[in-house]
Amino acid sequence: MNTDKLFAEALANEYAPKDTSKVIALKKLDRKAKLPANVFAYTFGIIGTLVFGVGLCLSMHVIGSDSLGSMVAGVIIGLAGLLMVSVNYPLYRKLLENGKKKYAYDIMLLAKEISES
């Protein structure tokens, strides 16, 4: 088996102009269904991680004063950040499910058209 030939054909197919715009439309619909869930998950996860980190810094007296109130506030803020990070994945799954439901009919119709032609 000539792997160089297979590689060259695969690379040529990647750069060849796409004849079917239905496949491109299907990919765009798929991205459109998944994008809001991905943006939310990344944003909420980053914010939750930062809140958790600030809580840890406060409780270990890296920032703030050396008082007991600073440590208690740090623990509470850290727990809030931990809660945010913990609920991020279930929220992502729910948003992804809603996005897929919203575009399911259009995607299935377009996929059926592509597979029949």
N, C-alpha and C. Protein backbone atom coordinates (compact mmCIF):
# COMPACT_ATOMS: atom_id res chain seq x y z
N MET A 1 0.85 -1.17 0.00
CA MET A 1 0.00 0.00 0.00
C MET A 1 0.90 1.24 0.00
N ASN A 2 0.61 2.14 -0.87
CA ASN A 2 1.40 3.35 -1.01
C ASN A 2 0.80 4.46 -0.13
N THR A 3 1.42 4.67 1.02
CA THR A 3 0.88 5.66 1.95
C THR A 3 1.09 7.08 1.45
N ASP A 4 2.13 7.31 0.69
CA ASP A 4 2.37 8.64 0.13
C ASP A 4 1.25 9.05 -0.81
N LYS A 5 0.79 8.08 -1.60
CA LYS A 5 -0.30 8.36 -2.54
C LYS A 5 -1.59 8.67 -1.78
N LEU A 6 -1.88 7.89 -0.72
CA LEU A 6 -3.08 8.15 0.08
C LEU A 6 -3.02 9.51 0.76
N PHE A 7 -1.84 9.84 1.26
CA PHE A 7 -1.67 11.14 1.91
C PHE A 7 -1.87 12.28 0.92
N ALA A 8 -1.30 12.11 -0.27
CA ALA A 8 -1.42 13.15 -1.30
C ALA A 8 -2.88 13.33 -1.72
N GLU A 9 -3.61 12.23 -1.86
CA GLU A 9 -5.03 12.32 -2.25
C GLU A 9 -5.86 12.98 -1.14
N ALA A 10 -5.58 12.63 0.10
CA ALA A 10 -6.32 13.23 1.21
C ALA A 10 -6.04 14.72 1.30
N LEU A 11 -4.81 15.10 1.09
CA LEU A 11 -4.46 16.52 1.12
C LEU A 11 -5.07 17.28 -0.05
N ALA A 12 -5.09 16.65 -1.22
CA ALA A 12 -5.69 17.28 -2.39
C ALA A 12 -7.19 17.46 -2.18
N ASN A 13 -7.85 16.48 -1.59
CA ASN A 13 -9.29 16.58 -1.32
C ASN A 13 -9.60 17.69 -0.33
N GLU A 14 -8.67 17.90 0.59
CA GLU A 14 -8.88 18.96 1.58
C GLU A 14 -8.84 20.34 0.94
N TYR A 15 -7.98 20.52 -0.06
CA TYR A 15 -7.83 21.83 -0.69
C TYR A 15 -8.67 21.99 -1.95
N ALA A 16 -9.33 20.92 -2.38
CA ALA A 16 -10.17 21.01 -3.58
C ALA A 16 -11.41 21.84 -3.27
N PRO A 17 -11.92 22.56 -4.24
CA PRO A 17 -13.14 23.34 -3.99
C PRO A 17 -14.32 22.41 -3.70
N LYS A 18 -15.11 22.81 -2.77
CA LYS A 18 -16.26 21.99 -2.37
C LYS A 18 -17.40 22.22 -3.35
N ASP A 19 -17.89 21.12 -3.89
CA ASP A 19 -18.97 21.20 -4.87
C ASP A 19 -20.33 21.32 -4.19
N THR A 20 -20.47 20.70 -3.04
CA THR A 20 -21.78 20.69 -2.39
C THR A 20 -21.83 21.75 -1.31
N SER A 21 -22.69 22.70 -1.49
CA SER A 21 -22.86 23.73 -0.47
C SER A 21 -23.76 23.23 0.65
N LYS A 22 -24.44 22.10 0.41
CA LYS A 22 -25.29 21.54 1.46
C LYS A 22 -24.46 21.03 2.63
N VAL A 23 -23.31 20.46 2.34
CA VAL A 23 -22.43 19.98 3.41
C VAL A 23 -21.93 21.16 4.24
N ILE A 24 -21.58 22.23 3.58
CA ILE A 24 -21.12 23.43 4.29
C ILE A 24 -22.25 24.01 5.13
N ALA A 25 -23.45 24.02 4.57
CA ALA A 25 -24.61 24.52 5.32
C ALA A 25 -24.88 23.63 6.53
N LEU A 26 -24.69 22.33 6.37
CA LEU A 26 -24.89 21.40 7.49
C LEU A 26 -23.87 21.66 8.59
N LYS A 27 -22.63 21.87 8.23
CA LYS A 27 -21.60 22.18 9.22
C LYS A 27 -21.89 23.50 9.94
N LYS A 28 -22.38 24.48 9.19
CA LYS A 28 -22.71 25.77 9.80
C LYS A 28 -23.86 25.63 10.79
N LEU A 29 -24.87 24.83 10.43
CA LEU A 29 -25.98 24.61 11.34
C LEU A 29 -25.52 23.89 12.61
N ASP A 30 -24.61 22.95 12.45
CA ASP A 30 -24.09 22.22 13.60
C ASP A 30 -23.34 23.16 14.53
N ARG A 31 -22.50 24.02 13.96
CA ARG A 31 -21.77 25.00 14.77
C ARG A 31 -22.73 25.97 15.45
N LYS A 32 -23.77 26.36 14.72
CA LYS A 32 -24.75 27.31 15.26
C LYS A 32 -25.51 26.70 16.44
N ALA A 33 -25.72 25.40 16.40
CA ALA A 33 -26.42 24.73 17.49
C ALA A 33 -25.54 24.60 18.73
N LYS A 34 -24.23 24.43 18.53
CA LYS A 34 -23.32 24.18 19.65
C LYS A 34 -22.64 25.42 20.20
N LEU A 35 -22.57 26.49 19.44
CA LEU A 35 -21.80 27.67 19.84
C LEU A 35 -22.27 28.32 21.14
N PRO A 36 -23.56 28.57 21.34
CA PRO A 36 -23.96 29.23 22.60
C PRO A 36 -23.57 28.44 23.84
N ALA A 37 -23.70 27.11 23.78
CA ALA A 37 -23.34 26.28 24.93
C ALA A 37 -21.84 26.34 25.19
N ASN A 38 -21.04 26.32 24.13
CA ASN A 38 -19.59 26.38 24.30
C ASN A 38 -19.14 27.73 24.86
N VAL A 39 -19.69 28.80 24.34
CA VAL A 39 -19.31 30.13 24.83
C VAL A 39 -19.69 30.28 26.30
N PHE A 40 -20.88 29.84 26.65
CA PHE A 40 -21.30 29.93 28.04
C PHE A 40 -20.40 29.10 28.94
N ALA A 41 -20.10 27.87 28.54
CA ALA A 41 -19.31 26.97 29.38
C ALA A 41 -17.91 27.53 29.63
N TYR A 42 -17.27 28.02 28.58
CA TYR A 42 -15.94 28.58 28.77
C TYR A 42 -15.97 29.83 29.64
N THR A 43 -16.90 30.72 29.37
CA THR A 43 -16.99 31.97 30.13
C THR A 43 -17.31 31.71 31.60
N PHE A 44 -18.33 30.90 31.84
CA PHE A 44 -18.75 30.62 33.21
C PHE A 44 -17.67 29.84 33.96
N GLY A 45 -16.98 28.93 33.27
CA GLY A 45 -15.91 28.17 33.89
C GLY A 45 -14.73 29.04 34.28
N ILE A 46 -14.37 29.96 33.41
CA ILE A 46 -13.25 30.86 33.71
C ILE A 46 -13.61 31.77 34.88
N ILE A 47 -14.81 32.32 34.87
CA ILE A 47 -15.23 33.19 35.97
C ILE A 47 -15.28 32.41 37.28
N GLY A 48 -15.83 31.20 37.25
CA GLY A 48 -15.89 30.37 38.45
C GLY A 48 -14.51 30.03 38.99
N THR A 49 -13.57 29.74 38.10
CA THR A 49 -12.21 29.44 38.52
C THR A 49 -11.54 30.65 39.14
N LEU A 50 -11.77 31.82 38.55
CA LEU A 50 -11.19 33.05 39.12
C LEU A 50 -11.78 33.36 40.49
N VAL A 51 -13.08 33.17 40.65
CA VAL A 51 -13.72 33.40 41.95
C VAL A 51 -13.15 32.43 42.98
N PHE A 52 -12.99 31.17 42.58
CA PHE A 52 -12.42 30.16 43.48
C PHE A 52 -10.99 30.55 43.87
N GLY A 53 -10.21 31.01 42.92
CA GLY A 53 -8.84 31.42 43.21
C GLY A 53 -8.76 32.61 44.14
N VAL A 54 -9.63 33.58 43.95
CA VAL A 54 -9.65 34.74 44.86
C VAL A 54 -10.01 34.29 46.27
N GLY A 55 -10.95 33.37 46.38
CA GLY A 55 -11.31 32.84 47.70
C GLY A 55 -10.15 32.13 48.37
N LEU A 56 -9.41 31.34 47.58
CA LEU A 56 -8.24 30.66 48.14
C LEU A 56 -7.18 31.66 48.59
N CYS A 57 -6.95 32.67 47.77
CA CYS A 57 -5.95 33.69 48.13
C CYS A 57 -6.34 34.44 49.40
N LEU A 58 -7.62 34.76 49.54
CA LEU A 58 -8.07 35.43 50.75
C LEU A 58 -7.94 34.53 51.98
N SER A 59 -8.29 33.27 51.84
CA SER A 59 -8.26 32.39 53.00
C SER A 59 -6.84 32.03 53.42
N MET A 60 -5.89 32.08 52.48
CA MET A 60 -4.49 31.79 52.83
C MET A 60 -3.70 33.06 53.11
N HIS A 61 -4.36 34.20 53.17
CA HIS A 61 -3.77 35.50 53.49
C HIS A 61 -2.72 35.94 52.46
N VAL A 62 -2.88 35.54 51.20
CA VAL A 62 -2.00 36.02 50.15
C VAL A 62 -2.41 37.45 49.78
N ILE A 63 -3.71 37.69 49.74
CA ILE A 63 -4.22 39.04 49.56
C ILE A 63 -5.11 39.36 50.76
N GLY A 64 -5.33 40.60 51.01
CA GLY A 64 -6.16 41.00 52.14
C GLY A 64 -5.35 41.06 53.43
N SER A 65 -6.04 41.22 54.52
CA SER A 65 -5.37 41.34 55.82
C SER A 65 -5.23 39.96 56.46
N ASP A 66 -4.52 39.92 57.59
CA ASP A 66 -4.33 38.66 58.31
C ASP A 66 -5.41 38.42 59.35
N SER A 67 -6.58 38.98 59.15
CA SER A 67 -7.64 38.84 60.15
C SER A 67 -8.47 37.58 59.89
N LEU A 68 -9.22 37.22 60.89
CA LEU A 68 -10.10 36.05 60.79
C LEU A 68 -11.24 36.33 59.80
N GLY A 69 -11.69 37.57 59.73
CA GLY A 69 -12.76 37.94 58.79
C GLY A 69 -12.35 37.74 57.34
N SER A 70 -11.09 38.03 57.05
CA SER A 70 -10.57 37.84 55.70
C SER A 70 -10.57 36.35 55.34
N MET A 71 -10.20 35.53 56.32
CA MET A 71 -10.18 34.09 56.06
C MET A 71 -11.59 33.53 55.86
N VAL A 72 -12.52 33.97 56.67
CA VAL A 72 -13.90 33.51 56.54
C VAL A 72 -14.50 33.96 55.21
N ALA A 73 -14.23 35.21 54.84
CA ALA A 73 -14.71 35.70 53.54
C ALA A 73 -14.09 34.90 52.41
N GLY A 74 -12.81 34.55 52.55
CA GLY A 74 -12.14 33.75 51.53
C GLY A 74 -12.74 32.37 51.38
N VAL A 75 -13.08 31.75 52.50
CA VAL A 75 -13.71 30.43 52.44
C VAL A 75 -15.08 30.52 51.76
N ILE A 76 -15.85 31.54 52.10
CA ILE A 76 -17.18 31.69 51.50
C ILE A 76 -17.06 31.97 50.00
N ILE A 77 -16.15 32.85 49.62
CA ILE A 77 -15.95 33.16 48.20
C ILE A 77 -15.43 31.92 47.47
N GLY A 78 -14.52 31.19 48.09
CA GLY A 78 -14.00 29.97 47.48
C GLY A 78 -15.07 28.93 47.27
N LEU A 79 -15.97 28.79 48.24
CA LEU A 79 -17.08 27.84 48.09
C LEU A 79 -18.04 28.27 46.98
N ALA A 80 -18.23 29.58 46.84
CA ALA A 80 -19.08 30.08 45.75
C ALA A 80 -18.44 29.75 44.40
N GLY A 81 -17.13 29.93 44.29
CA GLY A 81 -16.42 29.59 43.05
C GLY A 81 -16.46 28.11 42.78
N LEU A 82 -16.32 27.30 43.82
CA LEU A 82 -16.39 25.85 43.68
C LEU A 82 -17.78 25.41 43.20
N LEU A 83 -18.80 26.06 43.72
CA LEU A 83 -20.16 25.77 43.28
C LEU A 83 -20.35 26.13 41.81
N MET A 84 -19.80 27.27 41.41
CA MET A 84 -19.92 27.68 40.01
C MET A 84 -19.24 26.68 39.08
N VAL A 85 -18.06 26.24 39.46
CA VAL A 85 -17.33 25.28 38.64
C VAL A 85 -18.06 23.93 38.62
N SER A 86 -18.67 23.56 39.73
CA SER A 86 -19.36 22.27 39.82
C SER A 86 -20.61 22.21 38.96
N VAL A 87 -21.33 23.30 38.84
CA VAL A 87 -22.57 23.29 38.06
C VAL A 87 -22.34 23.64 36.59
N ASN A 88 -21.10 23.95 36.23
CA ASN A 88 -20.81 24.36 34.86
C ASN A 88 -21.14 23.26 33.85
N TYR A 89 -20.69 22.04 34.08
CA TYR A 89 -20.93 20.97 33.11
C TYR A 89 -22.41 20.62 32.97
N PRO A 90 -23.18 20.47 34.06
CA PRO A 90 -24.61 20.23 33.86
C PRO A 90 -25.32 21.35 33.10
N LEU A 91 -24.93 22.59 33.36
CA LEU A 91 -25.52 23.71 32.62
C LEU A 91 -25.14 23.65 31.15
N TYR A 92 -23.89 23.30 30.88
CA TYR A 92 -23.43 23.14 29.49
C TYR A 92 -24.25 22.07 28.77
N ARG A 93 -24.43 20.93 29.42
CA ARG A 93 -25.19 19.84 28.80
C ARG A 93 -26.64 20.27 28.50
N LYS A 94 -27.24 21.00 29.40
CA LYS A 94 -28.61 21.47 29.21
C LYS A 94 -28.69 22.46 28.05
N LEU A 95 -27.76 23.40 27.99
CA LEU A 95 -27.74 24.38 26.90
C LEU A 95 -27.46 23.70 25.56
N LEU A 96 -26.57 22.71 25.56
CA LEU A 96 -26.28 21.98 24.33
C LEU A 96 -27.50 21.20 23.86
N GLU A 97 -28.19 20.59 24.79
CA GLU A 97 -29.42 19.85 24.45
C GLU A 97 -30.47 20.79 23.86
N ASN A 98 -30.62 21.96 24.44
CA ASN A 98 -31.59 22.93 23.93
C ASN A 98 -31.21 23.42 22.53
N GLY A 99 -29.92 23.66 22.31
CA GLY A 99 -29.46 24.08 20.99
C GLY A 99 -29.68 23.01 19.94
N LYS A 100 -29.43 21.75 20.33
CA LYS A 100 -29.65 20.65 19.39
C LYS A 100 -31.13 20.48 19.08
N LYS A 101 -31.98 20.65 20.08
CA LYS A 101 -33.42 20.55 19.84
C LYS A 101 -33.90 21.65 18.90
N LYS A 102 -33.33 22.84 19.07
CA LYS A 102 -33.74 23.99 18.27
C LYS A 102 -33.44 23.78 16.79
N TYR A 103 -32.28 23.20 16.47
CA TYR A 103 -31.87 23.04 15.08
C TYR A 103 -32.00 21.60 14.58
N ALA A 104 -32.57 20.70 15.36
CA ALA A 104 -32.62 19.29 14.99
C ALA A 104 -33.38 19.06 13.68
N TYR A 105 -34.51 19.71 13.52
CA TYR A 105 -35.31 19.49 12.32
C TYR A 105 -34.55 19.92 11.06
N ASP A 106 -33.96 21.10 11.10
CA ASP A 106 -33.23 21.60 9.93
C ASP A 106 -32.02 20.73 9.61
N ILE A 107 -31.31 20.29 10.65
CA ILE A 107 -30.13 19.45 10.44
C ILE A 107 -30.53 18.10 9.87
N MET A 108 -31.57 17.51 10.42
CA MET A 108 -32.01 16.19 9.94
C MET A 108 -32.51 16.28 8.50
N LEU A 109 -33.22 17.32 8.16
CA LEU A 109 -33.73 17.50 6.80
C LEU A 109 -32.58 17.66 5.81
N LEU A 110 -31.61 18.49 6.16
CA LEU A 110 -30.47 18.71 5.28
C LEU A 110 -29.60 17.46 5.18
N ALA A 111 -29.42 16.74 6.27
CA ALA A 111 -28.63 15.50 6.23
C ALA A 111 -29.32 14.44 5.37
N LYS A 112 -30.64 14.40 5.44
CA LYS A 112 -31.38 13.44 4.61
C LYS A 112 -31.22 13.80 3.13
N GLU A 113 -31.28 15.09 2.79
CA GLU A 113 -31.09 15.52 1.40
C GLU A 113 -29.70 15.15 0.90
N ILE A 114 -28.70 15.31 1.75
CA ILE A 114 -27.33 15.00 1.34
C ILE A 114 -27.16 13.50 1.14
N SER A 115 -27.71 12.72 2.04
CA SER A 115 -27.53 11.27 1.95
C SER A 115 -28.29 10.66 0.78
N GLU A 116 -29.37 11.28 0.36
CA GLU A 116 -30.15 10.74 -0.75
C GLU A 116 -29.55 11.11 -2.11
N SER A 117 -28.77 12.15 -2.16
CA SER A 117 -28.23 12.56 -3.47
C SER A 117 -26.89 11.92 -3.77
